C-alpha cells in the first residue's frame, strides 16, 4: 500500500521555524520526485518546492526561496521541508506528493502530475 504521511505542522509565530516531514512507503522512493504543496482557506492549492530523490535536484517557487529548504533522507524514505522566517501568509495545510520519473528539476511539477498524495499537516503562522 502506497503511503505518504506528513508530520511537523503546528502553530508558530512570525519569524519562527518549522520542519515538515514526509514519510513514504509502498513504492520505489528513488524513482520519484517529491513535492510540497499548500492550500490556504479559500485559496487554490499551490506548489512550494520539489526534490528529485534520484539526483537531489530541487526547485522552489519565488515566494519561499531563501526561506525554505527541501531535502531527502533516502535511507529513511523521508523528505523534509525546513521552513524558516515564516510569515502569516505561509499559513496553510501542507501536503506532500510524489511523481514518478522526474529528474534534473529546474521547474515546477503541477499538482495534477503527482501520482500519490498525503493527507496534509496544518501550519499556522501568527502575526
PDB file of N, CA and C in Angstrom:
ATOM      1  N   UNK A   1       0.845  -1.202   0.000  1.00  0.00           N
ATOM      2  CA  UNK A   1       0.000   0.000   0.000  1.00  0.00           C
ATOM      3  C   UNK A   1       0.880   1.253   0.000  1.00  0.00           C
ATOM      4  N   UNK A   2       0.621   2.139  -0.926  1.00  0.00           N
ATOM      5  CA  UNK A   2       1.364   3.394  -1.003  1.00  0.00           C
ATOM      6  C   UNK A   2       0.885   4.341   0.088  1.00  0.00           C
ATOM      7  N   UNK A   3       1.842   4.910   0.800  1.00  0.00           N
ATOM      8  CA  UNK A   3       1.501   5.891   1.826  1.00  0.00           C
ATOM      9  C   UNK A   3       2.498   7.038   1.819  1.00  0.00           C
ATOM     10  N   UNK A   4       1.980   8.224   1.989  1.00  0.00           N
ATOM     11  CA  UNK A   4       2.778   9.413   2.273  1.00  0.00           C
ATOM     12  C   UNK A   4       2.174  10.023   3.533  1.00  0.00           C
ATOM     13  N   UNK A   5       2.986  10.163   4.553  1.00  0.00           N
ATOM     14  CA  UNK A   5       2.484  10.656   5.836  1.00  0.00           C
ATOM     15  C   UNK A   5       3.278  11.897   6.235  1.00  0.00           C
ATOM     16  N   UNK A   6       2.581  13.010   6.314  1.00  0.00           N
ATOM     17  CA  UNK A   6       3.207  14.267   6.713  1.00  0.00           C
ATOM     18  C   UNK A   6       3.141  14.431   8.229  1.00  0.00           C
ATOM     19  N   UNK A   7       4.128  15.132   8.750  1.00  0.00           N
ATOM     20  CA  UNK A   7       4.127  15.486  10.172  1.00  0.00           C
ATOM     21  C   UNK A   7       4.954  16.755  10.349  1.00  0.00           C
ATOM     22  N   UNK A   8       4.831  17.350  11.522  1.00  0.00           N
ATOM     23  CA  UNK A   8       5.656  18.505  11.849  1.00  0.00           C
ATOM     24  C   UNK A   8       4.953  19.850  11.787  1.00  0.00           C
ATOM     25  N   UNK A   9       3.712  19.865  11.363  1.00  0.00           N
ATOM     26  CA  UNK A   9       2.991  21.123  11.331  1.00  0.00           C
ATOM     27  C   UNK A   9       2.656  21.598  12.735  1.00  0.00           C
ATOM     28  N   UNK A  10       2.167  22.837  12.816  1.00  0.00           N
ATOM     29  CA  UNK A  10       1.803  23.376  14.114  1.00  0.00           C
ATOM     30  C   UNK A  10       1.607  24.871  14.056  1.00  0.00           C
ATOM     31  N   UNK A  11       1.594  25.458  15.229  1.00  0.00           N
ATOM     32  CA  UNK A  11       1.414  26.898  15.382  1.00  0.00           C
ATOM     33  C   UNK A  11       2.752  27.534  15.726  1.00  0.00           C
ATOM     34  N   UNK A  12       3.109  28.585  15.013  1.00  0.00           N
ATOM     35  CA  UNK A  12       4.381  29.263  15.250  1.00  0.00           C
ATOM     36  C   UNK A  12       4.195  30.749  15.017  1.00  0.00           C
ATOM     37  N   UNK A  13       4.978  31.545  15.696  1.00  0.00           N
ATOM     38  CA  UNK A  13       4.923  32.987  15.495  1.00  0.00           C
ATOM     39  C   UNK A  13       5.680  33.381  14.227  1.00  0.00           C
ATOM     40  N   UNK A  14       5.297  34.501  13.675  1.00  0.00           N
ATOM     41  CA  UNK A  14       6.001  35.023  12.502  1.00  0.00           C
ATOM     42  C   UNK A  14       7.488  35.158  12.813  1.00  0.00           C
ATOM     43  N   UNK A  15       8.299  34.749  11.858  1.00  0.00           N
ATOM     44  CA  UNK A  15       9.745  34.751  12.047  1.00  0.00           C
ATOM     45  C   UNK A  15      10.290  33.444  12.564  1.00  0.00           C
ATOM     46  N   UNK A  16       9.399  32.561  12.996  1.00  0.00           N
ATOM     47  CA  UNK A  16       9.827  31.277  13.538  1.00  0.00           C
ATOM     48  C   UNK A  16      10.068  30.232  12.465  1.00  0.00           C
ATOM     49  N   UNK A  17      10.329  29.011  12.923  1.00  0.00           N
ATOM     50  CA  UNK A  17      10.678  27.912  12.027  1.00  0.00           C
ATOM     51  C   UNK A  17       9.880  26.664  12.354  1.00  0.00           C
ATOM     52  N   UNK A  18       9.685  25.854  11.332  1.00  0.00           N
ATOM     53  CA  UNK A  18       9.114  24.515  11.473  1.00  0.00           C
ATOM     54  C   UNK A  18       9.812  23.605  10.475  1.00  0.00           C
ATOM     55  N   UNK A  19       9.868  22.325  10.808  1.00  0.00           N
ATOM     56  CA  UNK A  19      10.364  21.338   9.850  1.00  0.00           C
ATOM     57  C   UNK A  19       9.281  20.299   9.617  1.00  0.00           C
ATOM     58  N   UNK A  20       8.845  20.219   8.380  1.00  0.00           N
ATOM     59  CA  UNK A  20       7.858  19.217   7.997  1.00  0.00           C
ATOM     60  C   UNK A  20       8.569  17.972   7.507  1.00  0.00           C
ATOM     61  N   UNK A  21       7.964  16.826   7.770  1.00  0.00           N
ATOM     62  CA  UNK A  21       8.487  15.547   7.290  1.00  0.00           C
ATOM     63  C   UNK A  21       7.429  14.854   6.455  1.00  0.00           C
ATOM     64  N   UNK A  22       7.890  14.118   5.461  1.00  0.00           N
ATOM     65  CA  UNK A  22       7.006  13.321   4.612  1.00  0.00           C
ATOM     66  C   UNK A  22       7.614  11.926   4.526  1.00  0.00           C
ATOM     67  N   UNK A  23       7.004  10.978   5.203  1.00  0.00           N
ATOM     68  CA  UNK A  23       7.500   9.600   5.217  1.00  0.00           C
ATOM     69  C   UNK A  23       6.771   8.790   4.158  1.00  0.00           C
ATOM     70  N   UNK A  24       7.526   8.177   3.259  1.00  0.00           N
ATOM     71  CA  UNK A  24       6.959   7.447   2.130  1.00  0.00           C
ATOM     72  C   UNK A  24       7.138   5.945   2.313  1.00  0.00           C
ATOM     73  N   UNK A  25       6.152   5.197   1.836  1.00  0.00           N
ATOM     74  CA  UNK A  25       6.250   3.732   1.845  1.00  0.00           C
ATOM     75  C   UNK A  25       5.384   3.166   0.730  1.00  0.00           C
ATOM     76  N   UNK A  26       5.700   1.941   0.330  1.00  0.00           N
ATOM     77  CA  UNK A  26       4.883   1.255  -0.657  1.00  0.00           C
ATOM     78  C   UNK A  26       5.260   1.499  -2.102  1.00  0.00           C
ATOM     79  N   UNK A  27       6.327   2.240  -2.358  1.00  0.00           N
ATOM     80  CA  UNK A  27       6.780   2.432  -3.734  1.00  0.00           C
ATOM     81  C   UNK A  27       8.290   2.659  -3.721  1.00  0.00           C
ATOM     82  N   UNK A  28       8.894   2.588  -4.902  1.00  0.00           N
ATOM     83  CA  UNK A  28      10.345   2.723  -5.013  1.00  0.00           C
ATOM     84  C   UNK A  28      10.710   4.202  -4.937  1.00  0.00           C
ATOM     85  N   UNK A  29      11.095   4.612  -3.776  1.00  0.00           N
ATOM     86  CA  UNK A  29      11.305   6.027  -3.461  1.00  0.00           C
ATOM     87  C   UNK A  29      12.263   6.691  -4.445  1.00  0.00           C
ATOM     88  N   UNK A  30      13.322   5.987  -4.810  1.00  0.00           N
ATOM     89  CA  UNK A  30      14.365   6.579  -5.642  1.00  0.00           C
ATOM     90  C   UNK A  30      13.887   6.946  -7.047  1.00  0.00           C
ATOM     91  N   UNK A  31      12.771   6.410  -7.482  1.00  0.00           N
ATOM     92  CA  UNK A  31      12.278   6.669  -8.833  1.00  0.00           C
ATOM     93  C   UNK A  31      11.395   7.908  -8.914  1.00  0.00           C
ATOM     94  N   UNK A  32      11.234   8.581  -7.781  1.00  0.00           N
ATOM     95  CA  UNK A  32      10.230   9.632  -7.716  1.00  0.00           C
ATOM     96  C   UNK A  32      10.818  11.001  -7.379  1.00  0.00           C
ATOM     97  N   UNK A  33      10.071  12.015  -7.749  1.00  0.00           N
ATOM     98  CA  UNK A  33      10.256  13.353  -7.203  1.00  0.00           C
ATOM     99  C   UNK A  33       9.164  13.564  -6.163  1.00  0.00           C
ATOM    100  N   UNK A  34       9.505  14.282  -5.125  1.00  0.00           N
ATOM    101  CA  UNK A  34       8.539  14.589  -4.062  1.00  0.00           C
ATOM    102  C   UNK A  34       8.387  16.096  -3.981  1.00  0.00           C
ATOM    103  N   UNK A  35       7.149  16.500  -3.899  1.00  0.00           N
ATOM    104  CA  UNK A  35       6.866  17.927  -3.819  1.00  0.00           C
ATOM    105  C   UNK A  35       6.052  18.261  -2.596  1.00  0.00           C
ATOM    106  N   UNK A  36       6.193  19.499  -2.153  1.00  0.00           N
ATOM    107  CA  UNK A  36       5.334  20.048  -1.104  1.00  0.00           C
ATOM    108  C   UNK A  36       4.400  21.066  -1.746  1.00  0.00           C
ATOM    109  N   UNK A  37       3.133  20.922  -1.418  1.00  0.00           N
ATOM    110  CA  UNK A  37       2.095  21.835  -1.867  1.00  0.00           C
ATOM    111  C   UNK A  37       1.407  22.394  -0.631  1.00  0.00           C
ATOM    112  N   UNK A  38       0.693  23.484  -0.800  1.00  0.00           N
ATOM    113  CA  UNK A  38      -0.058  24.031   0.324  1.00  0.00           C
ATOM    114  C   UNK A  38      -1.373  24.620  -0.176  1.00  0.00           C
ATOM    115  N   UNK A  39      -2.330  24.624   0.730  1.00  0.00           N
ATOM    116  CA  UNK A  39      -3.631  25.201   0.404  1.00  0.00           C
ATOM    117  C   UNK A  39      -4.140  25.960   1.610  1.00  0.00           C
ATOM    118  N   UNK A  40      -4.302  27.250   1.431  1.00  0.00           N
ATOM    119  CA  UNK A  40      -4.856  28.098   2.477  1.00  0.00           C
ATOM    120  C   UNK A  40      -6.367  28.153   2.319  1.00  0.00           C
ATOM    121  N   UNK A  41      -7.087  28.465   3.390  1.00  0.00           N
ATOM    122  CA  UNK A  41      -8.551  28.538   3.305  1.00  0.00           C
ATOM    123  C   UNK A  41      -8.999  29.512   2.217  1.00  0.00           C
ATOM    124  N   UNK A  42      -9.888  29.044   1.361  1.00  0.00           N
ATOM    125  CA  UNK A  42     -10.423  29.888   0.309  1.00  0.00           C
ATOM    126  C   UNK A  42      -9.503  30.136  -0.860  1.00  0.00           C
ATOM    127  N   UNK A  43      -8.350  29.468  -0.865  1.00  0.00           N
ATOM    128  CA  UNK A  43      -7.392  29.674  -1.958  1.00  0.00           C
ATOM    129  C   UNK A  43      -7.116  28.361  -2.670  1.00  0.00           C
ATOM    130  N   UNK A  44      -6.564  28.490  -3.864  1.00  0.00           N
ATOM    131  CA  UNK A  44      -6.213  27.306  -4.637  1.00  0.00           C
ATOM    132  C   UNK A  44      -4.938  26.670  -4.077  1.00  0.00           C
ATOM    133  N   UNK A  45      -4.810  25.378  -4.322  1.00  0.00           N
ATOM    134  CA  UNK A  45      -3.591  24.674  -3.943  1.00  0.00           C
ATOM    135  C   UNK A  45      -2.428  25.200  -4.776  1.00  0.00           C
ATOM    136  N   UNK A  46      -1.278  25.385  -4.135  1.00  0.00           N
ATOM    137  CA  UNK A  46      -0.109  25.864  -4.858  1.00  0.00           C
ATOM    138  C   UNK A  46       1.108  25.023  -4.489  1.00  0.00           C
ATOM    139  N   UNK A  47       1.969  24.850  -5.466  1.00  0.00           N
ATOM    140  CA  UNK A  47       3.219  24.147  -5.217  1.00  0.00           C
ATOM    141  C   UNK A  47       4.214  25.050  -4.531  1.00  0.00           C
ATOM    142  N   UNK A  48       5.059  24.459  -3.712  1.00  0.00           N
ATOM    143  CA  UNK A  48       6.026  25.214  -2.922  1.00  0.00           C
ATOM    144  C   UNK A  48       7.455  24.813  -3.292  1.00  0.00           C
ATOM    145  N   UNK A  49       7.719  23.509  -3.271  1.00  0.00           N
ATOM    146  CA  UNK A  49       9.081  23.050  -3.514  1.00  0.00           C
ATOM    147  C   UNK A  49       9.048  21.586  -3.917  1.00  0.00           C
ATOM    148  N   UNK A  50      10.069  21.193  -4.694  1.00  0.00           N
ATOM    149  CA  UNK A  50      10.159  19.816  -5.172  1.00  0.00           C
ATOM    150  C   UNK A  50      11.600  19.346  -5.096  1.00  0.00           C
ATOM    151  N   UNK A  51      11.763  18.022  -4.931  1.00  0.00           N
ATOM    152  CA  UNK A  51      13.093  17.429  -4.964  1.00  0.00           C
ATOM    153  C   UNK A  51      13.030  16.129  -5.755  1.00  0.00           C
ATOM    154  N   UNK A  52      14.005  15.932  -6.623  1.00  0.00           N
ATOM    155  CA  UNK A  52      14.157  14.647  -7.280  1.00  0.00           C
ATOM    156  C   UNK A  52      14.972  13.765  -6.350  1.00  0.00           C
ATOM    157  N   UNK A  53      14.360  12.702  -5.864  1.00  0.00           N
ATOM    158  CA  UNK A  53      15.049  11.846  -4.910  1.00  0.00           C
ATOM    159  C   UNK A  53      16.275  11.194  -5.555  1.00  0.00           C
ATOM    160  N   UNK A  54      16.192  10.884  -6.837  1.00  0.00           N
ATOM    161  CA  UNK A  54      17.290  10.182  -7.509  1.00  0.00           C
ATOM    162  C   UNK A  54      18.552  11.031  -7.614  1.00  0.00           C
ATOM    163  N   UNK A  55      18.393  12.320  -7.967  1.00  0.00           N
ATOM    164  CA  UNK A  55      19.605  13.120  -8.210  1.00  0.00           C
ATOM    165  C   UNK A  55      19.731  14.329  -7.297  1.00  0.00           C
ATOM    166  N   UNK A  56      18.759  14.529  -6.412  1.00  0.00           N
ATOM    167  CA  UNK A  56      18.878  15.590  -5.417  1.00  0.00           C
ATOM    168  C   UNK A  56      18.610  16.994  -5.911  1.00  0.00           C
ATOM    169  N   UNK A  57      18.239  17.135  -7.176  1.00  0.00           N
ATOM    170  CA  UNK A  57      17.952  18.490  -7.662  1.00  0.00           C
ATOM    171  C   UNK A  57      16.660  18.999  -7.035  1.00  0.00           C
ATOM    172  N   UNK A  58      16.601  20.297  -6.895  1.00  0.00           N
ATOM    173  CA  UNK A  58      15.477  20.905  -6.193  1.00  0.00           C
ATOM    174  C   UNK A  58      14.939  22.108  -6.962  1.00  0.00           C
ATOM    175  N   UNK A  59      13.729  22.475  -6.617  1.00  0.00           N
ATOM    176  CA  UNK A  59      13.115  23.674  -7.204  1.00  0.00           C
ATOM    177  C   UNK A  59      12.222  24.307  -6.154  1.00  0.00           C
ATOM    178  N   UNK A  60      12.220  25.650  -6.133  1.00  0.00           N
ATOM    179  CA  UNK A  60      11.400  26.407  -5.200  1.00  0.00           C
ATOM    180  C   UNK A  60      10.624  27.483  -5.950  1.00  0.00           C
ATOM    181  N   UNK A  61       9.431  27.750  -5.474  1.00  0.00           N
ATOM    182  CA  UNK A  61       8.738  28.912  -6.017  1.00  0.00           C
ATOM    183  C   UNK A  61       9.348  30.167  -5.390  1.00  0.00           C
ATOM    184  N   UNK A  62       9.165  31.290  -6.059  1.00  0.00           N
ATOM    185  CA  UNK A  62       9.831  32.522  -5.636  1.00  0.00           C
ATOM    186  C   UNK A  62       9.451  32.935  -4.220  1.00  0.00           C
ATOM    187  N   UNK A  63       8.216  32.688  -3.828  1.00  0.00           N
ATOM    188  CA  UNK A  63       7.744  33.177  -2.526  1.00  0.00           C
ATOM    189  C   UNK A  63       8.439  32.513  -1.342  1.00  0.00           C
ATOM    190  N   UNK A  64       9.106  31.384  -1.568  1.00  0.00           N
ATOM    191  CA  UNK A  64       9.762  30.689  -0.449  1.00  0.00           C
ATOM    192  C   UNK A  64      11.272  30.585  -0.617  1.00  0.00           C
ATOM    193  N   UNK A  65      11.790  31.034  -1.739  1.00  0.00           N
ATOM    194  CA  UNK A  65      13.233  30.956  -1.960  1.00  0.00           C
ATOM    195  C   UNK A  65      13.978  31.720  -0.872  1.00  0.00           C
ATOM    196  N   UNK A  66      15.036  31.081  -0.364  1.00  0.00           N
ATOM    197  CA  UNK A  66      15.828  31.707   0.688  1.00  0.00           C
ATOM    198  C   UNK A  66      15.270  31.487   2.079  1.00  0.00           C
ATOM    199  N   UNK A  67      14.036  30.985   2.176  1.00  0.00           N
ATOM    200  CA  UNK A  67      13.428  30.724   3.490  1.00  0.00           C
ATOM    201  C   UNK A  67      13.190  29.233   3.725  1.00  0.00           C
ATOM    202  N   UNK A  68      12.820  28.515   2.692  1.00  0.00           N
ATOM    203  CA  UNK A  68      12.504  27.095   2.808  1.00  0.00           C
ATOM    204  C   UNK A  68      13.615  26.265   2.172  1.00  0.00           C
ATOM    205  N   UNK A  69      13.871  25.091   2.742  1.00  0.00           N
ATOM    206  CA  UNK A  69      14.844  24.163   2.182  1.00  0.00           C
ATOM    207  C   UNK A  69      14.251  22.769   2.162  1.00  0.00           C
ATOM    208  N   UNK A  70      14.262  22.147   0.989  1.00  0.00           N
ATOM    209  CA  UNK A  70      13.766  20.780   0.856  1.00  0.00           C
ATOM    210  C   UNK A  70      14.967  19.838   0.809  1.00  0.00           C
ATOM    211  N   UNK A  71      14.827  18.682   1.444  1.00  0.00           N
ATOM    212  CA  UNK A  71      15.908  17.699   1.453  1.00  0.00           C
ATOM    213  C   UNK A  71      15.307  16.305   1.578  1.00  0.00           C
ATOM    214  N   UNK A  72      16.136  15.311   1.313  1.00  0.00           N
ATOM    215  CA  UNK A  72      15.642  13.942   1.441  1.00  0.00           C
ATOM    216  C   UNK A  72      16.655  13.079   2.166  1.00  0.00           C
ATOM    217  N   UNK A  73      16.155  12.122   2.902  1.00  0.00           N
ATOM    218  CA  UNK A  73      16.970  11.091   3.539  1.00  0.00           C
ATOM    219  C   UNK A  73      16.534   9.782   2.908  1.00  0.00           C
ATOM    220  N   UNK A  74      17.286   9.346   1.906  1.00  0.00           N
ATOM    221  CA  UNK A  74      16.854   8.178   1.137  1.00  0.00           C
ATOM    222  C   UNK A  74      16.843   6.909   1.968  1.00  0.00           C
ATOM    223  N   UNK A  75      17.707   6.832   2.961  1.00  0.00           N
ATOM    224  CA  UNK A  75      17.731   5.643   3.824  1.00  0.00           C
ATOM    225  C   UNK A  75      16.450   5.525   4.638  1.00  0.00           C
ATOM    226  N   UNK A  76      15.816   6.664   4.901  1.00  0.00           N
ATOM    227  CA  UNK A  76      14.584   6.662   5.685  1.00  0.00           C
ATOM    228  C   UNK A  76      13.344   6.872   4.824  1.00  0.00           C
ATOM    229  N   UNK A  77      13.532   6.963   3.493  1.00  0.00           N
ATOM    230  CA  UNK A  77      12.399   7.245   2.599  1.00  0.00           C
ATOM    231  C   UNK A  77      11.597   8.452   3.079  1.00  0.00           C
ATOM    232  N   UNK A  78      12.297   9.487   3.429  1.00  0.00           N
ATOM    233  CA  UNK A  78      11.649  10.663   4.007  1.00  0.00           C
ATOM    234  C   UNK A  78      12.169  11.932   3.340  1.00  0.00           C
ATOM    235  N   UNK A  79      11.254  12.834   3.084  1.00  0.00           N
ATOM    236  CA  UNK A  79      11.592  14.159   2.557  1.00  0.00           C
ATOM    237  C   UNK A  79      11.210  15.191   3.610  1.00  0.00           C
ATOM    238  N   UNK A  80      12.056  16.196   3.754  1.00  0.00           N
ATOM    239  CA  UNK A  80      11.839  17.240   4.749  1.00  0.00           C
ATOM    240  C   UNK A  80      11.645  18.593   4.072  1.00  0.00           C
ATOM    241  N   UNK A  81      10.911  19.454   4.744  1.00  0.00           N
ATOM    242  CA  UNK A  81      10.816  20.840   4.326  1.00  0.00           C
ATOM    243  C   UNK A  81      11.112  21.697   5.546  1.00  0.00           C
ATOM    244  N   UNK A  82      12.298  22.268   5.562  1.00  0.00           N
ATOM    245  CA  UNK A  82      12.683  23.188   6.628  1.00  0.00           C
ATOM    246  C   UNK A  82      12.168  24.563   6.258  1.00  0.00           C
ATOM    247  N   UNK A  83      11.345  25.115   7.124  1.00  0.00           N
ATOM    248  CA  UNK A  83      10.725  26.409   6.851  1.00  0.00           C
ATOM    249  C   UNK A  83      11.196  27.410   7.889  1.00  0.00           C
ATOM    250  N   UNK A  84      11.925  28.401   7.433  1.00  0.00           N
ATOM    251  CA  UNK A  84      12.444  29.445   8.311  1.00  0.00           C
ATOM    252  C   UNK A  84      11.809  30.783   7.959  1.00  0.00           C
ATOM    253  N   UNK A  85      11.945  31.743   8.853  1.00  0.00           N
ATOM    254  CA  UNK A  85      11.420  33.104   8.631  1.00  0.00           C
ATOM    255  C   UNK A  85       9.967  33.034   8.163  1.00  0.00           C
ATOM    256  N   UNK A  86       9.176  32.258   8.869  1.00  0.00           N
ATOM    257  CA  UNK A  86       7.790  32.057   8.465  1.00  0.00           C
ATOM    258  C   UNK A  86       6.990  33.348   8.565  1.00  0.00           C
ATOM    259  N   UNK A  87       6.043  33.471   7.652  1.00  0.00           N
ATOM    260  CA  UNK A  87       5.187  34.651   7.561  1.00  0.00           C
ATOM    261  C   UNK A  87       3.728  34.222   7.715  1.00  0.00           C
ATOM    262  N   UNK A  88       2.865  35.106   8.158  1.00  0.00           N
ATOM    263  CA  UNK A  88       1.445  34.734   8.251  1.00  0.00           C
ATOM    264  C   UNK A  88       0.882  34.201   6.934  1.00  0.00           C
ATOM    265  N   UNK A  89       1.376  34.686   5.828  1.00  0.00           N
ATOM    266  CA  UNK A  89       0.865  34.216   4.525  1.00  0.00           C
ATOM    267  C   UNK A  89       1.320  32.796   4.191  1.00  0.00           C
ATOM    268  N   UNK A  90       2.190  32.218   5.017  1.00  0.00           N
ATOM    269  CA  UNK A  90       2.559  30.813   4.845  1.00  0.00           C
ATOM    270  C   UNK A  90       1.542  29.876   5.491  1.00  0.00           C
ATOM    271  N   UNK A  91       0.584  30.436   6.202  1.00  0.00           N
ATOM    272  CA  UNK A  91      -0.442  29.626   6.850  1.00  0.00           C
ATOM    273  C   UNK A  91      -1.235  28.831   5.823  1.00  0.00           C
ATOM    274  N   UNK A  92      -1.302  27.523   6.004  1.00  0.00           N
ATOM    275  CA  UNK A  92      -1.985  26.641   5.056  1.00  0.00           C
ATOM    276  C   UNK A  92      -1.896  25.212   5.568  1.00  0.00           C
ATOM    277  N   UNK A  93      -2.629  24.331   4.927  1.00  0.00           N
ATOM    278  CA  UNK A  93      -2.389  22.899   5.090  1.00  0.00           C
ATOM    279  C   UNK A  93      -1.328  22.510   4.057  1.00  0.00           C
ATOM    280  N   UNK A  94      -0.288  21.861   4.520  1.00  0.00           N
ATOM    281  CA  UNK A  94       0.818  21.468   3.660  1.00  0.00           C
ATOM    282  C   UNK A  94       0.705  19.977   3.341  1.00  0.00           C
ATOM    283  N   UNK A  95       0.805  19.683   2.062  1.00  0.00           N
ATOM    284  CA  UNK A  95       0.706  18.311   1.578  1.00  0.00           C
ATOM    285  C   UNK A  95       2.004  17.919   0.877  1.00  0.00           C
ATOM    286  N   UNK A  96       2.419  16.677   1.061  1.00  0.00           N
ATOM    287  CA  UNK A  96       3.484  16.174   0.212  1.00  0.00           C
ATOM    288  C   UNK A  96       2.867  15.233  -0.825  1.00  0.00           C
ATOM    289  N   UNK A  97       3.547  15.158  -1.957  1.00  0.00           N
ATOM    290  CA  UNK A  97       3.066  14.341  -3.060  1.00  0.00           C
ATOM    291  C   UNK A  97       4.262  13.803  -3.828  1.00  0.00           C
ATOM    292  N   UNK A  98       4.083  12.682  -4.497  1.00  0.00           N
ATOM    293  CA  UNK A  98       5.171  12.043  -5.233  1.00  0.00           C
ATOM    294  C   UNK A  98       4.783  11.849  -6.690  1.00  0.00           C
ATOM    295  N   UNK A  99       5.757  12.068  -7.566  1.00  0.00           N
ATOM    296  CA  UNK A  99       5.547  11.888  -9.001  1.00  0.00           C
ATOM    297  C   UNK A  99       6.701  11.069  -9.552  1.00  0.00           C
ATOM    298  N   UNK A 100       6.383  10.067 -10.343  1.00  0.00           N
ATOM    299  CA  UNK A 100       7.412   9.157 -10.841  1.00  0.00           C
ATOM    300  C   UNK A 100       8.141   9.740 -12.035  1.00  0.00           C
ATOM    301  N   UNK A 101       9.462   9.579 -12.041  1.00  0.00           N
ATOM    302  CA  UNK A 101      10.226   9.823 -13.251  1.00  0.00           C
ATOM    303  C   UNK A 101      10.665  11.246 -13.519  1.00  0.00           C
ATOM    304  N   UNK A 102      10.798  12.066 -12.489  1.00  0.00           N
ATOM    305  CA  UNK A 102      11.269  13.433 -12.701  1.00  0.00           C
ATOM    306  C   UNK A 102      12.701  13.563 -12.198  1.00  0.00           C
ATOM    307  N   UNK A 103      13.561  14.102 -13.056  1.00  0.00           N
ATOM    308  CA  UNK A 103      14.962  14.270 -12.717  1.00  0.00           C
ATOM    309  C   UNK A 103      15.416  15.649 -13.163  1.00  0.00           C
ATOM    310  N   UNK A 104      16.589  16.051 -12.679  1.00  0.00           N
ATOM    311  CA  UNK A 104      17.186  17.338 -13.067  1.00  0.00           C
ATOM    312  C   UNK A 104      16.165  18.463 -12.987  1.00  0.00           C
ATOM    313  N   UNK A 105      15.576  18.589 -11.813  1.00  0.00           N
ATOM    314  CA  UNK A 105      14.486  19.552 -11.650  1.00  0.00           C
ATOM    315  C   UNK A 105      14.971  20.985 -11.825  1.00  0.00           C
ATOM    316  N   UNK A 106      14.289  21.717 -12.679  1.00  0.00           N
ATOM    317  CA  UNK A 106      14.514  23.155 -12.827  1.00  0.00           C
ATOM    318  C   UNK A 106      13.187  23.839 -13.098  1.00  0.00           C
ATOM    319  N   UNK A 107      12.099  23.200 -12.655  1.00  0.00           N
ATOM    320  CA  UNK A 107      10.764  23.705 -12.950  1.00  0.00           C
ATOM    321  C   UNK A 107       9.795  23.125 -11.927  1.00  0.00           C
ATOM    322  N   UNK A 108       8.607  23.698 -11.893  1.00  0.00           N
ATOM    323  CA  UNK A 108       7.556  23.159 -11.038  1.00  0.00           C
ATOM    324  C   UNK A 108       6.982  21.888 -11.651  1.00  0.00           C
ATOM    325  N   UNK A 109       6.529  21.009 -10.779  1.00  0.00           N
ATOM    326  CA  UNK A 109       5.714  19.875 -11.218  1.00  0.00           C
ATOM    327  C   UNK A 109       4.292  20.176 -10.789  1.00  0.00           C
ATOM    328  N   UNK A 110       3.381  20.209 -11.715  1.00  0.00           N
ATOM    329  CA  UNK A 110       1.997  20.575 -11.403  1.00  0.00           C
ATOM    330  C   UNK A 110       1.330  19.546 -10.508  1.00  0.00           C
ATOM    331  N   UNK A 111       0.356  19.996  -9.723  1.00  0.00           N
ATOM    332  CA  UNK A 111      -0.293  19.075  -8.790  1.00  0.00           C
ATOM    333  C   UNK A 111      -0.969  17.924  -9.524  1.00  0.00           C
ATOM    334  N   UNK A 112      -1.456  18.183 -10.754  1.00  0.00           N
ATOM    335  CA  UNK A 112      -2.167  17.122 -11.473  1.00  0.00           C
ATOM    336  C   UNK A 112      -1.218  16.093 -12.067  1.00  0.00           C
ATOM    337  N   UNK A 113       0.082  16.338 -12.030  1.00  0.00           N
ATOM    338  CA  UNK A 113       1.059  15.352 -12.473  1.00  0.00           C
ATOM    339  C   UNK A 113       1.582  14.496 -11.324  1.00  0.00           C
ATOM    340  N   UNK A 114       1.144  14.779 -10.112  1.00  0.00           N
ATOM    341  CA  UNK A 114       1.600  13.995  -8.973  1.00  0.00           C
ATOM    342  C   UNK A 114       0.780  12.712  -8.878  1.00  0.00           C
ATOM    343  N   UNK A 115       1.467  11.617  -8.527  1.00  0.00           N
ATOM    344  CA  UNK A 115       0.827  10.307  -8.505  1.00  0.00           C
ATOM    345  C   UNK A 115       0.214   9.949  -7.158  1.00  0.00           C
ATOM    346  N   UNK A 116       0.876  10.344  -6.103  1.00  0.00           N
ATOM    347  CA  UNK A 116       0.416   9.975  -4.756  1.00  0.00           C
ATOM    348  C   UNK A 116       0.415  11.213  -3.861  1.00  0.00           C
ATOM    349  N   UNK A 117      -0.498  11.222  -2.903  1.00  0.00           N
ATOM    350  CA  UNK A 117      -0.649  12.361  -2.001  1.00  0.00           C
ATOM    351  C   UNK A 117      -0.762  11.904  -0.557  1.00  0.00           C
ATOM    352  N   UNK A 118      -0.232  12.747   0.330  1.00  0.00           N
ATOM    353  CA  UNK A 118      -0.502  12.562   1.740  1.00  0.00           C
ATOM    354  C   UNK A 118      -1.766  13.303   2.129  1.00  0.00           C
ATOM    355  N   UNK A 119      -2.104  13.217   3.416  1.00  0.00           N
ATOM    356  CA  UNK A 119      -3.350  13.818   3.896  1.00  0.00           C
ATOM    357  C   UNK A 119      -3.162  15.236   4.417  1.00  0.00           C
ATOM    358  N   UNK A 120      -1.923  15.663   4.554  1.00  0.00           N
ATOM    359  CA  UNK A 120      -1.654  17.042   4.919  1.00  0.00           C
ATOM    360  C   UNK A 120      -1.377  17.251   6.391  1.00  0.00           C
ATOM    361  N   UNK A 121      -0.669  18.339   6.667  1.00  0.00           N
ATOM    362  CA  UNK A 121      -0.401  18.762   8.041  1.00  0.00           C
ATOM    363  C   UNK A 121      -0.588  20.275   8.091  1.00  0.00           C
ATOM    364  N   UNK A 122      -1.328  20.782   9.077  1.00  0.00           N
ATOM    365  CA  UNK A 122      -1.620  22.211   9.114  1.00  0.00           C
ATOM    366  C   UNK A 122      -0.476  23.024   9.703  1.00  0.00           C
ATOM    367  N   UNK A 123      -0.247  24.173   9.100  1.00  0.00           N
ATOM    368  CA  UNK A 123       0.737  25.136   9.577  1.00  0.00           C
ATOM    369  C   UNK A 123       0.025  26.467   9.766  1.00  0.00           C
ATOM    370  N   UNK A 124       0.136  27.015  10.966  1.00  0.00           N
ATOM    371  CA  UNK A 124      -0.454  28.312  11.265  1.00  0.00           C
ATOM    372  C   UNK A 124       0.641  29.240  11.765  1.00  0.00           C
ATOM    373  N   UNK A 125       0.774  30.384  11.108  1.00  0.00           N
ATOM    374  CA  UNK A 125       1.780  31.363  11.486  1.00  0.00           C
ATOM    375  C   UNK A 125       1.048  32.603  11.988  1.00  0.00           C
ATOM    376  N   UNK A 126       1.242  32.908  13.242  1.00  0.00           N
ATOM    377  CA  UNK A 126       0.570  34.059  13.838  1.00  0.00           C
ATOM    378  C   UNK A 126       1.426  35.311  13.685  1.00  0.00           C
ATOM    379  N   UNK A 127       0.737  36.437  13.547  1.00  0.00           N
ATOM    380  CA  UNK A 127       1.453  37.709  13.345  1.00  0.00           C
ATOM    381  C   UNK A 127       2.096  38.206  14.635  1.00  0.00           C
TER     382      UNK A 127
END
